[in-house]
PDB file of all heavy atoms in Angstrom:
ATOM      1  N   ILE A   1    -126.136  20.231-298.922  1.00  0.00           N
ATOM      2  CA  ILE A   1    -125.906  19.165-297.945  1.00  0.00           C
ATOM      3  C   ILE A   1    -127.239  18.477-297.699  1.00  0.00           C
ATOM      4  O   ILE A   1    -128.287  19.136-297.619  1.00  0.00           O
ATOM      5  CB  ILE A   1    -125.304  19.719-296.631  1.00  0.00           C
ATOM      6  CG1 ILE A   1    -124.913  18.582-295.694  1.00  0.00           C
ATOM      7  CG2 ILE A   1    -126.260  20.695-295.940  1.00  0.00           C
ATOM      8  CD1 ILE A   1    -124.088  19.043-294.483  1.00  0.00           C
ATOM      9  N   SER A   2    -127.221  17.149-297.593  1.00  0.00           N
ATOM     10  CA  SER A   2    -128.457  16.407-297.347  1.00  0.00           C
ATOM     11  C   SER A   2    -128.981  16.697-295.945  1.00  0.00           C
ATOM     12  O   SER A   2    -128.224  17.150-295.067  1.00  0.00           O
ATOM     13  CB  SER A   2    -128.208  14.904-297.512  1.00  0.00           C
ATOM     14  OG  SER A   2    -127.357  14.426-296.478  1.00  0.00           O
ATOM     15  N   PHE A   3    -130.269  16.426-295.729  1.00  0.00           N
ATOM     16  CA  PHE A   3    -130.862  16.663-294.411  1.00  0.00           C
ATOM     17  C   PHE A   3    -130.148  15.836-293.347  1.00  0.00           C
ATOM     18  O   PHE A   3    -129.781  16.357-292.281  1.00  0.00           O
ATOM     19  CB  PHE A   3    -132.353  16.309-294.442  1.00  0.00           C
ATOM     20  CG  PHE A   3    -133.058  16.562-293.137  1.00  0.00           C
ATOM     21  CD1 PHE A   3    -133.592  17.811-292.853  1.00  0.00           C
ATOM     22  CD2 PHE A   3    -133.178  15.562-292.186  1.00  0.00           C
ATOM     23  CE1 PHE A   3    -134.229  18.054-291.638  1.00  0.00           C
ATOM     24  CE2 PHE A   3    -133.814  15.786-290.981  1.00  0.00           C
ATOM     25  CZ  PHE A   3    -134.345  17.035-290.704  1.00  0.00           C
ATOM     26  N   ASN A   4    -129.921  14.542-293.651  1.00  0.00           N
ATOM     27  CA  ASN A   4    -129.239  13.682-292.677  1.00  0.00           C
ATOM     28  C   ASN A   4    -127.796  14.125-292.468  1.00  0.00           C
ATOM     29  O   ASN A   4    -127.275  14.075-291.343  1.00  0.00           O
ATOM     30  CB  ASN A   4    -129.276  12.227-293.154  1.00  0.00           C
ATOM     31  CG  ASN A   4    -130.670  11.633-293.084  1.00  0.00           C
ATOM     32  OD1 ASN A   4    -131.519  12.095-292.316  1.00  0.00           O
ATOM     33  ND2 ASN A   4    -130.934  10.613-293.884  1.00  0.00           N
ATOM     34  N   GLY A   5    -127.142  14.544-293.552  1.00  0.00           N
ATOM     35  CA  GLY A   5    -125.767  15.045-293.447  1.00  0.00           C
ATOM     36  C   GLY A   5    -125.706  16.288-292.594  1.00  0.00           C
ATOM     37  O   GLY A   5    -124.767  16.486-291.811  1.00  0.00           O
ATOM     38  N   CYS A   6    -126.718  17.148-292.724  1.00  0.00           N
ATOM     39  CA  CYS A   6    -126.792  18.377-291.930  1.00  0.00           C
ATOM     40  C   CYS A   6    -126.954  18.058-290.450  1.00  0.00           C
ATOM     41  O   CYS A   6    -126.272  18.646-289.603  1.00  0.00           O
ATOM     42  CB  CYS A   6    -127.963  19.234-292.429  1.00  0.00           C
ATOM     43  SG  CYS A   6    -128.125  20.825-291.586  1.00  0.00           S
ATOM     44  N   MET A   7    -127.830  17.113-290.141  1.00  0.00           N
ATOM     45  CA  MET A   7    -128.039  16.734-288.744  1.00  0.00           C
ATOM     46  C   MET A   7    -126.788  16.078-288.149  1.00  0.00           C
ATOM     47  O   MET A   7    -126.455  16.293-286.974  1.00  0.00           O
ATOM     48  CB  MET A   7    -129.242  15.794-288.619  1.00  0.00           C
ATOM     49  CG  MET A   7    -130.575  16.426-288.961  1.00  0.00           C
ATOM     50  SD  MET A   7    -130.962  17.885-287.960  1.00  0.00           S
ATOM     51  CE  MET A   7    -130.984  19.165-289.233  1.00  0.00           C
ATOM     52  N   ALA A   8    -126.082  15.293-288.970  1.00  0.00           N
ATOM     53  CA  ALA A   8    -124.850  14.658-288.500  1.00  0.00           C
ATOM     54  C   ALA A   8    -123.783  15.716-288.227  1.00  0.00           C
ATOM     55  O   ALA A   8    -123.076  15.655-287.210  1.00  0.00           O
ATOM     56  CB  ALA A   8    -124.343  13.661-289.547  1.00  0.00           C
ATOM     57  N   GLN A   9    -123.668  16.693-289.129  1.00  0.00           N
ATOM     58  CA  GLN A   9    -122.697  17.768-288.935  1.00  0.00           C
ATOM     59  C   GLN A   9    -123.029  18.561-287.666  1.00  0.00           C
ATOM     60  O   GLN A   9    -122.133  18.897-286.880  1.00  0.00           O
ATOM     61  CB  GLN A   9    -122.671  18.703-290.150  1.00  0.00           C
ATOM     62  CG  GLN A   9    -121.555  19.727-290.106  1.00  0.00           C
ATOM     63  CD  GLN A   9    -121.544  20.638-291.311  1.00  0.00           C
ATOM     64  OE1 GLN A   9    -122.536  21.304-291.602  1.00  0.00           O
ATOM     65  NE2 GLN A   9    -120.419  20.680-292.028  1.00  0.00           N
ATOM     66  N   LEU A  10    -124.297  18.848-287.472  1.00  0.00           N
ATOM     67  CA  LEU A  10    -124.748  19.572-286.283  1.00  0.00           C
ATOM     68  C   LEU A  10    -124.403  18.787-285.015  1.00  0.00           C
ATOM     69  O   LEU A  10    -123.918  19.368-284.030  1.00  0.00           O
ATOM     70  CB  LEU A  10    -126.253  19.807-286.399  1.00  0.00           C
ATOM     71  CG  LEU A  10    -126.971  20.661-285.357  1.00  0.00           C
ATOM     72  CD1 LEU A  10    -128.169  21.345-285.991  1.00  0.00           C
ATOM     73  CD2 LEU A  10    -127.439  19.815-284.175  1.00  0.00           C
ATOM     74  N   PHE A  11    -124.638  17.475-285.034  1.00  0.00           N
ATOM     75  CA  PHE A  11    -124.364  16.639-283.870  1.00  0.00           C
ATOM     76  C   PHE A  11    -122.885  16.661-283.508  1.00  0.00           C
ATOM     77  O   PHE A  11    -122.508  16.904-282.349  1.00  0.00           O
ATOM     78  CB  PHE A  11    -124.814  15.204-284.136  1.00  0.00           C
ATOM     79  CG  PHE A  11    -124.395  14.224-283.062  1.00  0.00           C
ATOM     80  CD1 PHE A  11    -125.113  14.106-281.888  1.00  0.00           C
ATOM     81  CD2 PHE A  11    -123.264  13.436-283.232  1.00  0.00           C
ATOM     82  CE1 PHE A  11    -124.716  13.225-280.892  1.00  0.00           C
ATOM     83  CE2 PHE A  11    -122.863  12.551-282.246  1.00  0.00           C
ATOM     84  CZ  PHE A  11    -123.598  12.439-281.076  1.00  0.00           C
ATOM     85  N   PHE A  12    -122.012  16.415-284.501  1.00  0.00           N
ATOM     86  CA  PHE A  12    -120.576  16.339-284.218  1.00  0.00           C
ATOM     87  C   PHE A  12    -119.980  17.708-283.910  1.00  0.00           C
ATOM     88  O   PHE A  12    -119.010  17.805-283.145  1.00  0.00           O
ATOM     89  CB  PHE A  12    -119.838  15.675-285.386  1.00  0.00           C
ATOM     90  CG  PHE A  12    -120.063  14.197-285.470  1.00  0.00           C
ATOM     91  CD1 PHE A  12    -120.845  13.650-286.472  1.00  0.00           C
ATOM     92  CD2 PHE A  12    -119.519  13.344-284.520  1.00  0.00           C
ATOM     93  CE1 PHE A  12    -121.083  12.284-286.536  1.00  0.00           C
ATOM     94  CE2 PHE A  12    -119.736  11.974-284.570  1.00  0.00           C
ATOM     95  CZ  PHE A  12    -120.522  11.441-285.581  1.00  0.00           C
ATOM     96  N   LEU A  13    -120.566  18.766-284.471  1.00  0.00           N
ATOM     97  CA  LEU A  13    -120.115  20.121-284.151  1.00  0.00           C
ATOM     98  C   LEU A  13    -120.326  20.412-282.666  1.00  0.00           C
ATOM     99  O   LEU A  13    -119.407  20.881-281.986  1.00  0.00           O
ATOM    100  CB  LEU A  13    -120.886  21.137-284.999  1.00  0.00           C
ATOM    101  CG  LEU A  13    -120.568  22.603-284.714  1.00  0.00           C
ATOM    102  CD1 LEU A  13    -119.241  23.003-285.339  1.00  0.00           C
ATOM    103  CD2 LEU A  13    -121.672  23.518-285.233  1.00  0.00           C
ATOM    104  N   HIS A  14    -121.533  20.112-282.165  1.00  0.00           N
ATOM    105  CA  HIS A  14    -121.824  20.378-280.755  1.00  0.00           C
ATOM    106  C   HIS A  14    -121.094  19.398-279.846  1.00  0.00           C
ATOM    107  O   HIS A  14    -120.717  19.764-278.722  1.00  0.00           O
ATOM    108  CB  HIS A  14    -123.337  20.318-280.511  1.00  0.00           C
ATOM    109  CG  HIS A  14    -124.033  21.584-280.878  1.00  0.00           C
ATOM    110  ND1 HIS A  14    -124.288  22.592-279.985  1.00  0.00           N
ATOM    111  CD2 HIS A  14    -124.492  22.034-282.087  1.00  0.00           C
ATOM    112  CE1 HIS A  14    -124.883  23.595-280.590  1.00  0.00           C
ATOM    113  NE2 HIS A  14    -125.019  23.281-281.864  1.00  0.00           N
ATOM    114  N   LEU A  15    -120.874  18.189-280.298  1.00  0.00           N
ATOM    115  CA  LEU A  15    -120.107  17.219-279.517  1.00  0.00           C
ATOM    116  C   LEU A  15    -118.702  17.736-279.262  1.00  0.00           C
ATOM    117  O   LEU A  15    -118.225  17.758-278.120  1.00  0.00           O
ATOM    118  CB  LEU A  15    -120.054  15.877-280.250  1.00  0.00           C
ATOM    119  CG  LEU A  15    -119.207  14.776-279.600  1.00  0.00           C
ATOM    120  CD1 LEU A  15    -119.842  14.321-278.286  1.00  0.00           C
ATOM    121  CD2 LEU A  15    -119.036  13.588-280.551  1.00  0.00           C
ATOM    122  N   CYS A  16    -118.018  18.173-280.328  1.00  0.00           N
ATOM    123  CA  CYS A  16    -116.637  18.639-280.198  1.00  0.00           C
ATOM    124  C   CYS A  16    -116.563  19.977-279.473  1.00  0.00           C
ATOM    125  O   CYS A  16    -115.668  20.185-278.643  1.00  0.00           O
ATOM    126  CB  CYS A  16    -116.000  18.763-281.587  1.00  0.00           C
ATOM    127  SG  CYS A  16    -115.825  17.198-282.451  1.00  0.00           S
ATOM    128  N   ALA A  17    -117.496  20.882-279.775  1.00  0.00           N
ATOM    129  CA  ALA A  17    -117.474  22.200-279.129  1.00  0.00           C
ATOM    130  C   ALA A  17    -117.718  22.082-277.623  1.00  0.00           C
ATOM    131  O   ALA A  17    -117.012  22.712-276.818  1.00  0.00           O
ATOM    132  CB  ALA A  17    -118.522  23.106-279.760  1.00  0.00           C
ATOM    133  N   CYS A  18    -118.687  21.273-277.237  1.00  0.00           N
ATOM    134  CA  CYS A  18    -118.982  21.096-275.816  1.00  0.00           C
ATOM    135  C   CYS A  18    -117.839  20.379-275.109  1.00  0.00           C
ATOM    136  O   CYS A  18    -117.496  20.709-273.970  1.00  0.00           O
ATOM    137  CB  CYS A  18    -120.289  20.322-275.647  1.00  0.00           C
ATOM    138  SG  CYS A  18    -120.896  20.276-273.946  1.00  0.00           S
ATOM    139  N   ALA A  19    -117.247  19.391-275.783  1.00  0.00           N
ATOM    140  CA  ALA A  19    -116.099  18.680-275.211  1.00  0.00           C
ATOM    141  C   ALA A  19    -114.947  19.650-274.955  1.00  0.00           C
ATOM    142  O   ALA A  19    -114.271  19.577-273.920  1.00  0.00           O
ATOM    143  CB  ALA A  19    -115.648  17.560-276.145  1.00  0.00           C
ATOM    144  N   GLU A  20    -114.735  20.589-275.879  1.00  0.00           N
ATOM    145  CA  GLU A  20    -113.654  21.567-275.699  1.00  0.00           C
ATOM    146  C   GLU A  20    -113.949  22.516-274.544  1.00  0.00           C
ATOM    147  O   GLU A  20    -113.060  22.860-273.772  1.00  0.00           O
ATOM    148  CB  GLU A  20    -113.429  22.353-276.991  1.00  0.00           C
ATOM    149  CG  GLU A  20    -112.275  23.333-276.897  1.00  0.00           C
ATOM    150  CD  GLU A  20    -111.630  23.645-278.226  1.00  0.00           C
ATOM    151  OE1 GLU A  20    -111.922  22.963-279.224  1.00  0.00           O
ATOM    152  OE2 GLU A  20    -110.805  24.577-278.261  1.00  0.00           O
ATOM    153  N   ILE A  21    -115.197  22.944-274.421  1.00  0.00           N
ATOM    154  CA  ILE A  21    -115.571  23.822-273.307  1.00  0.00           C
ATOM    155  C   ILE A  21    -115.330  23.122-271.966  1.00  0.00           C
ATOM    156  O   ILE A  21    -114.751  23.703-271.035  1.00  0.00           O
ATOM    157  CB  ILE A  21    -117.039  24.259-273.423  1.00  0.00           C
ATOM    158  CG1 ILE A  21    -117.220  25.202-274.607  1.00  0.00           C
ATOM    159  CG2 ILE A  21    -117.526  24.935-272.142  1.00  0.00           C
ATOM    160  CD1 ILE A  21    -118.673  25.523-274.925  1.00  0.00           C
ATOM    161  N   PHE A  22    -115.779  21.867-271.866  1.00  0.00           N
ATOM    162  CA  PHE A  22    -115.568  21.109-270.620  1.00  0.00           C
ATOM    163  C   PHE A  22    -114.084  20.895-270.350  1.00  0.00           C
ATOM    164  O   PHE A  22    -113.628  20.984-269.206  1.00  0.00           O
ATOM    165  CB  PHE A  22    -116.289  19.767-270.701  1.00  0.00           C
ATOM    166  CG  PHE A  22    -117.788  19.854-270.586  1.00  0.00           C
ATOM    167  CD1 PHE A  22    -118.609  18.886-271.147  1.00  0.00           C
ATOM    168  CD2 PHE A  22    -118.394  20.897-269.915  1.00  0.00           C
ATOM    169  CE1 PHE A  22    -119.991  18.953-271.041  1.00  0.00           C
ATOM    170  CE2 PHE A  22    -119.776  20.992-269.807  1.00  0.00           C
ATOM    171  CZ  PHE A  22    -120.573  20.010-270.371  1.00  0.00           C
ATOM    172  N   LEU A  23    -113.309  20.615-271.417  1.00  0.00           N
ATOM    173  CA  LEU A  23    -111.874  20.376-271.237  1.00  0.00           C
ATOM    174  C   LEU A  23    -111.155  21.638-270.782  1.00  0.00           C
ATOM    175  O   LEU A  23    -110.281  21.583-269.910  1.00  0.00           O
ATOM    176  CB  LEU A  23    -111.252  19.859-272.536  1.00  0.00           C
ATOM    177  CG  LEU A  23    -109.752  19.530-272.478  1.00  0.00           C
ATOM    178  CD1 LEU A  23    -109.475  18.472-271.408  1.00  0.00           C
ATOM    179  CD2 LEU A  23    -109.243  19.038-273.834  1.00  0.00           C
ATOM    180  N   LEU A  24    -111.514  22.779-271.343  1.00  0.00           N
ATOM    181  CA  LEU A  24    -110.911  24.043-270.909  1.00  0.00           C
ATOM    182  C   LEU A  24    -111.207  24.319-269.429  1.00  0.00           C
ATOM    183  O   LEU A  24    -110.360  24.848-268.701  1.00  0.00           O
ATOM    184  CB  LEU A  24    -111.418  25.193-271.779  1.00  0.00           C
ATOM    185  CG  LEU A  24    -110.934  25.220-273.233  1.00  0.00           C
ATOM    186  CD1 LEU A  24    -111.661  26.290-274.029  1.00  0.00           C
ATOM    187  CD2 LEU A  24    -109.427  25.413-273.298  1.00  0.00           C
ATOM    188  N   THR A  25    -112.416  23.944-269.004  1.00  0.00           N
ATOM    189  CA  THR A  25    -112.779  24.105-267.587  1.00  0.00           C
ATOM    190  C   THR A  25    -111.948  23.172-266.705  1.00  0.00           C
ATOM    191  O   THR A  25    -111.468  23.571-265.638  1.00  0.00           O
ATOM    192  CB  THR A  25    -114.281  23.823-267.376  1.00  0.00           C
ATOM    193  OG1 THR A  25    -115.046  24.603-268.306  1.00  0.00           O
ATOM    194  CG2 THR A  25    -114.709  24.163-265.964  1.00  0.00           C
ATOM    195  N   ILE A  26    -111.763  21.931-267.160  1.00  0.00           N
ATOM    196  CA  ILE A  26    -110.941  20.964-266.420  1.00  0.00           C
ATOM    197  C   ILE A  26    -109.493  21.434-266.345  1.00  0.00           C
ATOM    198  O   ILE A  26    -108.822  21.295-265.319  1.00  0.00           O
ATOM    199  CB  ILE A  26    -111.039  19.570-267.069  1.00  0.00           C
ATOM    200  CG1 ILE A  26    -112.439  18.969-266.862  1.00  0.00           C
ATOM    201  CG2 ILE A  26    -109.986  18.618-266.499  1.00  0.00           C
ATOM    202  CD1 ILE A  26    -112.690  17.710-267.662  1.00  0.00           C
ATOM    203  N   MET A  27    -109.003  22.014-267.446  1.00  0.00           N
ATOM    204  CA  MET A  27    -107.622  22.514-267.468  1.00  0.00           C
ATOM    205  C   MET A  27    -107.441  23.668-266.479  1.00  0.00           C
ATOM    206  O   MET A  27    -106.378  23.809-265.872  1.00  0.00           O
ATOM    207  CB  MET A  27    -107.250  22.951-268.891  1.00  0.00           C
ATOM    208  CG  MET A  27    -107.095  21.788-269.857  1.00  0.00           C
ATOM    209  SD  MET A  27    -106.866  22.306-271.581  1.00  0.00           S
ATOM    210  CE  MET A  27    -105.152  22.843-271.543  1.00  0.00           C
ATOM    211  N   ALA A  28    -108.475  24.490-266.315  1.00  0.00           N
ATOM    212  CA  ALA A  28    -108.411  25.564-265.318  1.00  0.00           C
ATOM    213  C   ALA A  28    -108.373  24.970-263.910  1.00  0.00           C
ATOM    214  O   ALA A  28    -107.631  25.457-263.036  1.00  0.00           O
ATOM    215  CB  ALA A  28    -109.621  26.485-265.474  1.00  0.00           C
ATOM    216  N   TYR A  29    -109.158  23.919-263.671  1.00  0.00           N
ATOM    217  CA  TYR A  29    -109.149  23.228-262.381  1.00  0.00           C
ATOM    218  C   TYR A  29    -107.775  22.620-262.119  1.00  0.00           C
ATOM    219  O   TYR A  29    -107.250  22.686-260.983  1.00  0.00           O
ATOM    220  CB  TYR A  29    -110.223  22.145-262.365  1.00  0.00           C
ATOM    221  CG  TYR A  29    -110.201  21.256-261.143  1.00  0.00           C
ATOM    222  CD1 TYR A  29    -110.601  21.732-259.902  1.00  0.00           C
ATOM    223  CD2 TYR A  29    -109.763  19.938-261.232  1.00  0.00           C
ATOM    224  CE1 TYR A  29    -110.574  20.916-258.782  1.00  0.00           C
ATOM    225  CE2 TYR A  29    -109.728  19.121-260.120  1.00  0.00           C
ATOM    226  CZ  TYR A  29    -110.140  19.608-258.895  1.00  0.00           C
ATOM    227  OH  TYR A  29    -110.092  18.809-257.787  1.00  0.00           O
ATOM    228  N   ASP A  30    -107.173  22.058-263.161  1.00  0.00           N
ATOM    229  CA  ASP A  30    -105.829  21.479-263.048  1.00  0.00           C
ATOM    230  C   ASP A  30    -104.811  22.537-262.630  1.00  0.00           C
ATOM    231  O   ASP A  30    -103.975  22.312-261.758  1.00  0.00           O
ATOM    232  CB  ASP A  30    -105.427  20.860-264.388  1.00  0.00           C
ATOM    233  CG  ASP A  30    -103.974  20.422-264.415  1.00  0.00           C
ATOM    234  OD1 ASP A  30    -103.626  19.481-263.680  1.00  0.00           O
ATOM    235  OD2 ASP A  30    -103.189  21.046-265.164  1.00  0.00           O
ATOM    236  N   ARG A  31    -104.884  23.729-263.246  1.00  0.00           N
ATOM    237  CA  ARG A  31    -103.966  24.830-262.893  1.00  0.00           C
ATOM    238  C   ARG A  31    -104.229  25.311-261.463  1.00  0.00           C
ATOM    239  O   ARG A  31    -103.293  25.655-260.738  1.00  0.00           O
ATOM    240  CB  ARG A  31    -104.121  25.986-263.867  1.00  0.00           C
ATOM    241  CG  ARG A  31    -103.642  25.730-265.282  1.00  0.00           C
ATOM    242  CD  ARG A  31    -102.161  25.380-265.348  1.00  0.00           C
ATOM    243  NE  ARG A  31    -101.916  23.963-265.062  1.00  0.00           N
ATOM    244  CZ  ARG A  31    -100.800  23.479-264.553  1.00  0.00           C
ATOM    245  NH1 ARG A  31     -99.824  24.300-264.219  1.00  0.00           N
ATOM    246  NH2 ARG A  31    -100.642  22.180-264.344  1.00  0.00           N
ATOM    247  N   TYR A  32    -105.501  25.311-261.061  1.00  0.00           N
ATOM    248  CA  TYR A  32    -105.851  25.721-259.698  1.00  0.00           C
ATOM    249  C   TYR A  32    -105.225  24.772-258.675  1.00  0.00           C
ATOM    250  O   TYR A  32    -104.614  25.211-257.687  1.00  0.00           O
ATOM    251  CB  TYR A  32    -107.369  25.746-259.544  1.00  0.00           C
ATOM    252  CG  TYR A  32    -107.843  25.732-258.108  1.00  0.00           C
ATOM    253  CD1 TYR A  32    -107.740  26.876-257.310  1.00  0.00           C
ATOM    254  CD2 TYR A  32    -108.380  24.571-257.548  1.00  0.00           C
ATOM    255  CE1 TYR A  32    -108.157  26.855-255.982  1.00  0.00           C
ATOM    256  CE2 TYR A  32    -108.803  24.540-256.227  1.00  0.00           C
ATOM    257  CZ  TYR A  32    -108.693  25.680-255.447  1.00  0.00           C
ATOM    258  OH  TYR A  32    -109.095  25.660-254.142  1.00  0.00           O
ATOM    259  N   ILE A  33    -105.341  23.475-258.901  1.00  0.00           N
ATOM    260  CA  ILE A  33    -104.762  22.483-257.990  1.00  0.00           C
ATOM    261  C   ILE A  33    -103.236  22.592-257.968  1.00  0.00           C
ATOM    262  O   ILE A  33    -102.611  22.557-256.920  1.00  0.00           O
ATOM    263  CB  ILE A  33    -105.182  21.051-258.397  1.00  0.00           C
ATOM    264  CG1 ILE A  33    -106.707  20.874-258.281  1.00  0.00           C
ATOM    265  CG2 ILE A  33    -104.462  20.015-257.525  1.00  0.00           C
ATOM    266  CD1 ILE A  33    -107.243  20.986-256.878  1.00  0.00           C
ATOM    267  N   ALA A  34    -102.625  22.749-259.166  1.00  0.00           N
ATOM    268  CA  ALA A  34    -101.172  22.806-259.276  1.00  0.00           C
ATOM    269  C   ALA A  34    -100.585  24.009-258.548  1.00  0.00           C
ATOM    270  O   ALA A  34     -99.517  23.913-257.920  1.00  0.00           O
ATOM    271  CB  ALA A  34    -100.758  22.840-260.751  1.00  0.00           C
TER     272      ALA A  34
END
């Protein structure tokens, strides 16, 4: 994998992983309110 390709993969990996962590937390808040 190219250096730039590696950095792009790293960026989108953490973008999606962090988004999922935040969303799971929001979903727990949603269940708490419900």
